[in-house]
Protein backbone atom coordinates (compact mmCIF):
# COMPACT_ATOMS: atom_id res chain seq x y z
CA UNK A 1 1.00 15.69 -14.88
CA UNK A 2 3.03 12.51 -15.37
CA UNK A 3 0.25 9.98 -15.80
CA UNK A 4 1.09 6.45 -16.98
CA UNK A 5 -0.91 3.35 -17.78
CA UNK A 6 1.35 0.68 -19.30
CA UNK A 7 -0.09 -1.44 -22.11
CA UNK A 8 3.15 -3.37 -22.63
CA UNK A 9 3.32 -7.03 -21.68
CA UNK A 10 6.95 -7.30 -20.56
CA UNK A 11 8.03 -10.95 -20.34
CA UNK A 12 9.23 -12.26 -16.99
CA UNK A 13 12.97 -12.97 -16.94
CA UNK A 14 13.83 -16.68 -16.85
CA UNK A 15 16.33 -15.96 -14.05
CA UNK A 16 13.76 -14.32 -11.75
CA UNK A 17 13.44 -16.50 -8.68
CA UNK A 18 12.46 -14.18 -5.84
CA UNK A 19 8.97 -12.68 -5.74
CA UNK A 20 8.36 -9.85 -3.26
CA UNK A 21 4.78 -8.93 -2.41
CA UNK A 22 3.49 -5.48 -1.46
CA UNK A 23 -0.15 -4.66 -0.71
CA UNK A 24 -1.79 -1.25 -1.18
CA UNK A 25 -4.74 -0.65 1.13
CA UNK A 26 -7.01 2.21 2.09
CA UNK A 27 -10.56 3.44 1.94
CA UNK A 28 -12.98 3.48 -0.97
CA UNK A 29 -11.80 5.61 -3.90
CA UNK A 30 -8.43 6.70 -2.46
CA UNK A 31 -6.47 5.81 -5.63
CA UNK A 32 -5.17 2.28 -5.07
CA UNK A 33 -5.97 1.13 -8.62
CA UNK A 34 -4.45 4.33 -10.01
CA UNK A 35 -1.21 3.81 -8.09
CA UNK A 36 -0.83 0.23 -9.35
CA UNK A 37 -1.48 1.37 -12.91
CA UNK A 38 1.04 4.21 -12.69
CA UNK A 39 4.04 2.04 -11.76
CA UNK A 40 3.33 -1.44 -13.15
CA UNK A 41 5.57 -2.50 -16.04
CA UNK A 42 2.79 -4.74 -17.38
CA UNK A 43 -0.80 -3.93 -18.12
CA UNK A 44 -2.29 -4.39 -14.63
CA UNK A 45 -4.90 -6.98 -13.86
CA UNK A 46 -7.96 -5.09 -12.64
CA UNK A 47 -11.15 -6.55 -11.19
CA UNK A 48 -13.16 -3.39 -11.63
CA UNK A 49 -16.91 -3.38 -12.15
CA UNK A 50 -19.19 -0.55 -13.13
CA UNK A 51 -20.86 1.09 -10.15
CA UNK A 52 -24.65 0.94 -10.12
CA UNK A 53 -27.41 2.81 -8.32
CA UNK A 54 -27.85 -0.23 -6.07
CA UNK A 55 -24.28 0.21 -4.84
CA UNK A 56 -24.95 3.80 -3.82
CA UNK A 57 -27.08 2.49 -0.96
CA UNK A 58 -24.05 0.55 0.36
CA UNK A 59 -20.99 2.66 -0.52
CA UNK A 60 -20.57 6.29 0.49
CA UNK A 61 -19.81 8.08 -2.78
CA UNK A 62 -20.39 11.61 -1.50
CA UNK A 63 -16.68 12.46 -1.83
CA UNK A 64 -16.07 10.50 -5.05
CA UNK A 65 -18.92 11.64 -7.28
CA UNK A 66 -16.90 11.15 -10.48
CA UNK A 67 -16.10 7.50 -9.74
CA UNK A 68 -17.82 5.11 -12.18
CA UNK A 69 -16.06 1.80 -11.45
CA UNK A 70 -14.80 0.05 -8.34
CA UNK A 71 -12.45 -2.83 -7.48
CA UNK A 72 -14.31 -5.94 -6.30
CA UNK A 73 -11.39 -8.33 -5.70
CA UNK A 74 -7.92 -6.83 -6.14
CA UNK A 75 -5.58 -5.07 -8.57
CA UNK A 76 -2.33 -6.71 -9.60
CA UNK A 77 0.82 -5.21 -11.11
CA UNK A 78 4.50 -6.09 -11.42
CA UNK A 79 7.87 -4.35 -11.28
CA UNK A 80 11.21 -6.01 -12.10
CA UNK A 81 13.83 -4.89 -9.58
CA UNK A 82 16.75 -6.85 -11.08
CA UNK A 83 17.40 -10.18 -12.82
CA UNK A 84 16.44 -12.19 -9.74
CA UNK A 85 13.89 -10.04 -7.88
CA UNK A 86 10.34 -9.20 -8.92
CA UNK A 87 8.00 -6.92 -6.98
CA UNK A 88 4.32 -7.89 -7.09
CA UNK A 89 1.77 -5.18 -6.26
CA UNK A 90 -1.70 -6.00 -4.95
CA UNK A 91 -4.31 -3.27 -4.58
CA UNK A 92 -6.98 -4.27 -2.04
CA UNK A 93 -10.66 -3.33 -2.48
CA UNK A 94 -11.70 -0.38 -0.34
CA UNK A 95 -15.37 -1.04 0.41
CA UNK A 96 -16.17 -2.44 3.83
CA UNK A 97 -18.06 -5.40 2.37
CA UNK A 98 -14.82 -6.64 0.75
CA UNK A 99 -12.59 -6.27 3.81
CA UNK A 100 -12.77 -10.03 4.45
CA UNK A 101 -10.33 -10.39 1.51
CA UNK A 102 -7.65 -8.31 3.19
CA UNK A 103 -6.31 -10.91 5.63
CA UNK A 104 -5.66 -13.31 2.74
CA UNK A 105 -3.92 -10.59 0.74
CA UNK A 106 -1.68 -9.82 3.73
CA UNK A 107 -0.37 -13.40 3.78
CA UNK A 108 3.30 -13.43 2.74
CA UNK A 109 3.39 -9.65 2.35
CA UNK A 110 6.75 -7.89 2.62
CA UNK A 111 5.06 -4.61 3.55
CA UNK A 112 2.09 -2.36 2.80
CA UNK A 113 1.18 1.13 1.69
CA UNK A 114 -1.81 2.77 3.36
CA UNK A 115 -3.18 5.26 0.86
CA UNK A 116 -5.11 8.10 2.51
CA UNK A 117 -7.56 10.73 1.32
CA UNK A 118 -7.26 13.41 4.02
CA UNK A 119 -10.85 14.52 3.35
CA UNK A 120 -11.96 11.08 4.63
CA UNK A 121 -9.16 10.18 6.99
CA UNK A 122 -11.34 8.01 9.26
CA UNK A 123 -11.65 5.46 6.43
CA UNK A 124 -7.96 4.61 6.94
CA UNK A 125 -8.30 3.46 10.54
CA UNK A 126 -9.33 -0.10 9.71
CA UNK A 127 -6.41 -0.60 7.32
CA UNK A 128 -3.89 0.50 9.94
CA UNK A 129 -5.56 -1.62 12.61
CA UNK A 130 -5.37 -4.78 10.47
CA UNK A 131 -1.75 -4.19 9.48
CA UNK A 132 -0.74 -3.65 13.10
CA UNK A 133 -2.67 -6.81 14.04
CA UNK A 134 -0.69 -8.81 11.47
CA UNK A 135 2.60 -7.15 12.40
CA UNK A 136 3.05 -6.03 8.78
CA UNK A 137 5.47 -3.12 8.16
CA UNK A 138 3.71 -0.21 6.47
CA UNK A 139 3.96 3.44 5.50
CA UNK A 140 1.23 6.04 4.99
CA UNK A 141 0.92 8.03 1.75
CA UNK A 142 -1.57 10.90 1.47
CA UNK A 143 -2.94 11.06 -2.08
CA UNK A 144 -3.51 14.56 -3.43
CA UNK A 145 -7.21 15.24 -4.00
CA UNK A 146 -6.90 19.02 -3.61
CA UNK A 147 -8.64 19.14 -0.23
CA UNK A 148 -7.76 21.51 2.63
CA UNK A 149 -4.11 21.18 3.71
CA UNK A 150 -3.20 19.33 6.90
CA UNK A 151 0.13 19.31 8.69
CA UNK A 152 1.95 16.00 9.17
CA UNK A 153 1.40 16.36 12.92
CA UNK A 154 -2.36 16.69 12.42
CA UNK A 155 -2.47 13.61 10.18
CA UNK A 156 -0.37 11.56 12.60
CA UNK A 157 -2.64 12.54 15.47
CA UNK A 158 -5.79 11.72 13.49
CA UNK A 159 -4.40 8.28 12.57
CA UNK A 160 -2.76 7.68 15.96
CA UNK A 161 0.34 6.89 13.95
CA UNK A 162 3.54 5.56 15.53
CA UNK A 163 6.37 8.13 15.20
CA UNK A 164 8.53 5.57 13.37
CA UNK A 165 5.97 5.01 10.57
CA UNK A 166 6.93 7.12 7.50
CA UNK A 167 4.31 9.61 6.32
CA UNK A 168 4.52 11.32 2.93
CA UNK A 169 2.42 13.07 0.29
CA UNK A 170 1.93 11.59 -3.16
CA UNK A 171 0.03 11.84 -6.42
CA UNK A 172 -1.03 8.31 -7.38
CA UNK A 173 -1.41 9.39 -11.03
CA UNK A 174 2.30 10.18 -11.24
CA UNK A 175 4.74 7.37 -11.95
CA UNK A 176 7.61 9.22 -10.26
CA UNK A 177 5.54 10.03 -7.18
CA UNK A 178 4.31 6.44 -6.87
CA UNK A 179 7.87 5.12 -7.29
CA UNK A 180 8.96 7.39 -4.44
CA UNK A 181 6.26 5.84 -2.24
CA UNK A 182 7.49 2.33 -3.04
CA UNK A 183 11.11 3.29 -2.40
CA UNK A 184 10.12 4.79 0.96
CA UNK A 185 8.41 1.53 1.93
CA UNK A 186 11.41 -0.59 0.93
CA UNK A 187 13.77 1.71 2.87
CA UNK A 188 11.46 1.48 5.89
CA UNK A 189 11.47 -2.32 5.74
CA UNK A 190 15.25 -2.34 5.47
CA UNK A 191 15.52 0.00 8.45
CA UNK A 192 13.23 -2.22 10.55
CA UNK A 193 15.22 -5.31 9.56
CA UNK A 194 18.51 -3.66 10.54
CA UNK A 195 17.01 -2.47 13.84
CA UNK A 196 15.71 -5.94 14.71
CA UNK A 197 19.04 -7.49 13.77
CA UNK A 198 20.93 -5.07 16.00
CA UNK A 199 18.51 -5.72 18.89
CA UNK A 200 18.95 -9.49 18.50
CA UNK A 201 22.73 -9.14 18.47
CA UNK A 202 22.60 -6.91 21.55
CA UNK A 203 20.41 -9.44 23.35
CA UNK A 204 22.77 -12.30 22.50
CA UNK A 205 25.74 -10.27 23.70
CA UNK A 206 24.20 -9.72 27.12
CA UNK A 207 22.64 -13.15 27.54
CA UNK A 208 24.10 -15.17 30.45
CA UNK A 209 26.64 -17.86 29.66
CA UNK A 210 25.16 -21.39 29.80
CA UNK A 211 26.14 -23.38 32.87
CA UNK A 212 28.68 -26.12 32.23
């Protein structure tokens, strides 16, 4: 398995002047921290704390028994796209008690990845609802936890997902798989931008001439 955690501290290019923000959201323990770690070119900033017995009364850990730490603010990573463009990755905390942080993280976001564990698919509903509320472009990536297989149609129905929202499988531990997720999101954003531009041009073409 291609598993990567970068310890390098790559310097930021002096010519970089355009920061692009992407947020990774989803339920508790779906692999958001792992995805950021797998693709970040710098050692990611993690706000993880050790889970305690007190937290078990608040967070449902029945499907994540091996989890020993959890994000309490956000994860942060970085990818240099070219000499002028930098991609900043923010992994949002998954527990319900930290959801109040999400709206602030969504501010200025180019787009979002909803990471899904198909064994606990209902935990993704809130993320999709908030992204739709903000009008933020997003895609859905199903992280591989080895659960029972589901068809794309079944997942789309369970999430009430718009047909135009991309849905793909991934392994958040794999750098190549996580890169493919990011590329899919960027392509989706570009497609939406082109579609909106064409619609605006079409509307202008058919708008009535102003009276003289």
